[in-house]
Amino acid sequence: MARIILVRHGKTDWNRELRIQGGSSDTPLNEEGRQQAENLASRLSQRSIQAIYSSPLKRALETAQIIARHHNLEVVVEKSLREVEAGKLEGATSAELGMRFSELLTRDGVSKRVPGGESLADLQQRSWNFIQQSNRKYTDGELVIVSHYFVILTIICSALMLPLSRITRFRLSTGCISIINLDEKEARLELLNDTGYLAQFP
């Protein structure tokens, strides 16, 4: 059984400004985000982690590299963990859209692509395929996957067999940890959106 620790990257200036930060926005961590990553690294430092995978985007990769320092592991960059492509909406704010980006992505069905970008269904296919491959490769161990808001939520919906339209019911903070356990029969959500860095895992 694989235990997958899903980490959302630390905060960026675009997170603070509530801008859409998709797969073509290679924004770095800000000072708060780097501190979040350091806190995450301390929390995960005593775990027996077999591998650390990251989106290629700076904000995720820097978070992953800070975590990896405690484990003598190289971060494996995985392009399928890149955030959903927001196309022409990259950099827009929720105020400009008049709604949350998650609401826009689900408004006309989860297979509807945003202009110049991806749909949630596209994202779910590539992210969940990677999780299934990882589960077969690491049948008994802990993996850290550092990625993005919509990537992590589509993985959680896949694990729990929830329709993607329910994605608007979830919220993930920057620098949060969620955990899923996978075996041959079922997947279980063990932890969701945890930012209590000093707490112990259940």
Protein backbone atom coordinates (compact mmCIF):
# COMPACT_ATOMS: atom_id res chain seq x y z
CA MET A 1 0.00 0.00 0.00
CA ALA A 2 1.38 3.37 -1.01
CA ARG A 3 0.94 6.38 1.22
CA ILE A 4 0.96 9.52 -0.89
CA ILE A 5 1.64 12.85 0.78
CA LEU A 6 0.24 15.57 -1.45
CA VAL A 7 1.83 18.96 -0.82
CA ARG A 8 0.58 22.21 -2.29
CA HIS A 9 3.45 24.60 -2.97
CA GLY A 10 4.14 27.59 -0.73
CA LYS A 11 2.69 31.04 -1.31
CA THR A 12 3.62 33.34 -4.19
CA ASP A 13 2.84 36.99 -4.83
CA TRP A 14 0.13 35.89 -7.27
CA ASN A 15 -1.51 33.80 -4.54
CA ARG A 16 -1.57 36.90 -2.37
CA GLU A 17 -3.08 38.94 -5.21
CA LEU A 18 -5.68 36.22 -5.97
CA ARG A 19 -4.50 35.87 -9.56
CA ILE A 20 -5.09 32.77 -11.67
CA GLN A 21 -1.79 30.93 -11.57
CA GLY A 22 -1.94 28.13 -14.09
CA GLY A 23 0.54 25.94 -15.89
CA SER A 24 2.09 28.81 -17.87
CA SER A 25 2.70 31.04 -14.82
CA ASP A 26 6.17 30.17 -13.55
CA THR A 27 6.00 32.34 -10.45
CA PRO A 28 8.51 31.83 -7.61
CA LEU A 29 7.81 31.53 -3.90
CA ASN A 30 7.70 34.75 -1.96
CA GLU A 31 9.21 35.15 1.52
CA GLU A 32 6.13 33.73 3.23
CA GLY A 33 6.07 30.82 0.80
CA ARG A 34 9.70 29.93 1.50
CA GLN A 35 8.96 29.95 5.23
CA GLN A 36 5.98 27.66 4.63
CA ALA A 37 8.28 25.30 2.73
CA GLU A 38 10.80 25.32 5.57
CA ASN A 39 8.04 24.50 8.05
CA LEU A 40 6.81 21.68 5.82
CA ALA A 41 10.32 20.31 5.54
CA SER A 42 10.70 20.25 9.33
CA ARG A 43 7.41 18.46 9.71
CA LEU A 44 8.29 15.82 7.14
CA SER A 45 11.92 15.42 8.21
CA GLN A 46 11.34 12.26 10.28
CA ARG A 47 9.22 10.46 7.70
CA SER A 48 10.62 7.46 5.78
CA ILE A 49 10.07 8.95 2.36
CA GLN A 50 11.05 6.87 -0.67
CA ALA A 51 10.76 9.51 -3.37
CA ILE A 52 9.86 13.15 -3.92
CA TYR A 53 8.16 14.20 -7.15
CA SER A 54 7.43 17.76 -8.20
CA SER A 55 5.78 19.82 -10.87
CA PRO A 56 8.40 21.58 -13.01
CA LEU A 57 7.05 25.02 -12.06
CA LYS A 58 9.32 27.08 -9.80
CA ARG A 59 6.90 27.47 -6.92
CA ALA A 60 6.45 23.70 -6.59
CA LEU A 61 10.04 22.73 -7.39
CA GLU A 62 11.51 25.10 -4.81
CA THR A 63 9.11 23.75 -2.19
CA ALA A 64 10.11 20.19 -3.07
CA GLN A 65 13.83 20.95 -2.99
CA ILE A 66 13.56 22.42 0.50
CA ILE A 67 11.75 19.27 1.67
CA ALA A 68 14.28 16.99 -0.06
CA ARG A 69 17.25 18.44 1.83
CA HIS A 70 16.22 16.41 4.89
CA HIS A 71 16.07 13.08 3.07
CA ASN A 72 19.16 12.83 0.86
CA LEU A 73 16.86 12.51 -2.13
CA GLU A 74 16.86 14.13 -5.56
CA VAL A 75 13.58 15.71 -6.58
CA VAL A 76 12.13 14.00 -9.63
CA VAL A 77 10.49 16.53 -11.94
CA GLU A 78 7.23 15.22 -13.40
CA LYS A 79 5.53 17.32 -16.07
CA SER A 80 2.13 15.67 -15.52
CA LEU A 81 2.03 17.41 -12.11
CA ARG A 82 1.99 20.85 -13.74
CA GLU A 83 -0.99 23.04 -12.87
CA VAL A 84 -4.00 23.22 -15.17
CA GLU A 85 -3.35 25.39 -18.22
CA ALA A 86 -5.44 28.54 -17.81
CA GLY A 87 -4.85 29.82 -21.34
CA LYS A 88 -5.99 33.39 -21.90
CA LEU A 89 -7.07 33.63 -18.26
CA GLU A 90 -3.53 33.39 -16.85
CA GLY A 91 -2.97 36.25 -14.43
CA ALA A 92 -6.61 37.36 -14.23
CA THR A 93 -8.10 37.97 -10.80
CA SER A 94 -11.29 36.51 -9.36
CA ALA A 95 -12.70 40.04 -9.24
CA GLU A 96 -12.09 40.45 -12.97
CA LEU A 97 -13.79 37.11 -13.69
CA GLY A 98 -16.68 37.77 -11.34
CA MET A 99 -16.32 34.27 -9.89
CA ARG A 100 -13.74 31.82 -8.56
CA PHE A 101 -11.69 30.04 -11.21
CA SER A 102 -12.93 26.68 -9.90
CA GLU A 103 -16.51 27.80 -10.54
CA LEU A 104 -15.60 28.81 -14.09
CA LEU A 105 -13.92 25.45 -14.74
CA THR A 106 -17.06 23.55 -13.67
CA ARG A 107 -19.76 25.93 -14.91
CA ASP A 108 -20.14 24.43 -18.40
CA GLY A 109 -19.07 20.88 -17.53
CA VAL A 110 -15.69 19.51 -16.54
CA SER A 111 -14.76 18.60 -20.12
CA LYS A 112 -15.07 22.20 -21.30
CA ARG A 113 -11.64 23.72 -22.00
CA VAL A 114 -10.93 27.32 -21.04
CA PRO A 115 -9.82 29.43 -24.05
CA GLY A 116 -6.29 28.34 -24.96
CA GLY A 117 -6.10 26.03 -21.96
CA GLU A 118 -7.22 22.73 -20.45
CA SER A 119 -10.32 21.26 -18.91
CA LEU A 120 -10.50 19.65 -15.49
CA ALA A 121 -11.05 16.32 -17.24
CA ASP A 122 -7.76 16.77 -19.16
CA LEU A 123 -5.96 17.53 -15.94
CA GLN A 124 -7.50 14.62 -14.07
CA GLN A 125 -6.43 12.15 -16.74
CA ARG A 126 -2.77 13.10 -16.68
CA SER A 127 -2.48 13.52 -12.91
CA TRP A 128 -4.35 10.33 -11.97
CA ASN A 129 -2.40 8.28 -14.53
CA PHE A 130 0.78 9.35 -12.78
CA ILE A 131 -0.62 8.42 -9.35
CA GLN A 132 -1.57 4.96 -10.58
CA GLN A 133 1.89 4.42 -12.07
CA SER A 134 3.49 5.54 -8.81
CA ASN A 135 1.26 3.22 -6.80
CA ARG A 136 2.41 0.26 -8.88
CA LYS A 137 6.06 1.28 -8.53
CA TYR A 138 6.00 1.94 -4.79
CA THR A 139 3.71 -0.73 -3.41
CA ASP A 140 4.69 -0.19 0.23
CA GLY A 141 6.09 3.19 1.18
CA GLU A 142 5.62 6.93 1.40
CA LEU A 143 5.87 9.33 -1.51
CA VAL A 144 5.83 13.11 -1.46
CA ILE A 145 4.21 14.82 -4.42
CA VAL A 146 4.54 18.61 -4.58
CA SER A 147 2.06 20.17 -6.94
CA HIS A 148 -0.78 22.65 -7.30
CA TYR A 149 -4.33 23.40 -6.24
CA PHE A 150 -6.24 21.82 -9.12
CA VAL A 151 -3.83 18.92 -9.61
CA ILE A 152 -4.21 17.85 -5.99
CA LEU A 153 -7.99 18.27 -5.99
CA THR A 154 -8.45 16.20 -9.15
CA ILE A 155 -6.28 13.46 -7.57
CA ILE A 156 -8.43 13.51 -4.43
CA CYS A 157 -11.64 13.36 -6.48
CA SER A 158 -10.23 10.39 -8.41
CA ALA A 159 -9.17 8.59 -5.23
CA LEU A 160 -12.61 9.04 -3.64
CA MET A 161 -14.51 8.47 -6.91
CA LEU A 162 -16.17 11.87 -6.63
CA PRO A 163 -17.36 13.76 -9.71
CA LEU A 164 -15.12 16.66 -10.65
CA SER A 165 -18.08 18.99 -10.33
CA ARG A 166 -17.65 18.65 -6.55
CA ILE A 167 -14.25 20.32 -6.71
CA THR A 168 -15.81 23.64 -5.70
CA ARG A 169 -16.67 22.09 -2.30
CA PHE A 170 -12.96 21.83 -1.39
CA ARG A 171 -10.36 24.39 -0.42
CA LEU A 172 -6.60 23.92 -0.22
CA SER A 173 -4.32 26.44 1.47
CA THR A 174 -0.84 27.18 0.20
CA GLY A 175 1.71 24.98 1.92
CA CYS A 176 -0.88 22.41 2.99
CA ILE A 177 -0.57 18.64 3.29
CA SER A 178 -3.16 16.07 2.25
CA ILE A 179 -2.64 12.30 2.41
CA ILE A 180 -4.20 9.43 0.51
CA ASN A 181 -3.59 5.73 1.07
CA LEU A 182 -3.85 3.49 -1.96
CA ASP A 183 -4.06 -0.28 -2.15
CA GLU A 184 -5.37 -2.71 -4.76
CA LYS A 185 -8.97 -2.43 -3.56
CA GLU A 186 -9.58 1.16 -2.54
CA ALA A 187 -8.22 4.58 -1.76
CA ARG A 188 -8.69 6.41 1.52
CA LEU A 189 -8.30 10.08 2.32
CA GLU A 190 -6.36 10.28 5.56
CA LEU A 191 -5.68 13.99 5.82
CA LEU A 192 -6.94 17.08 4.00
CA ASN A 193 -5.61 20.65 3.83
CA ASP A 194 -3.51 20.40 6.96
CA THR A 195 -1.32 23.38 7.83
CA GLY A 196 -0.75 22.42 11.48
CA TYR A 197 2.95 21.91 10.87
CA LEU A 198 3.71 21.03 14.50
CA ALA A 199 1.09 18.29 14.71
CA GLN A 200 1.92 14.63 14.21
CA PHE A 201 0.49 12.50 11.43
CA PRO A 202 -2.36 10.24 12.56
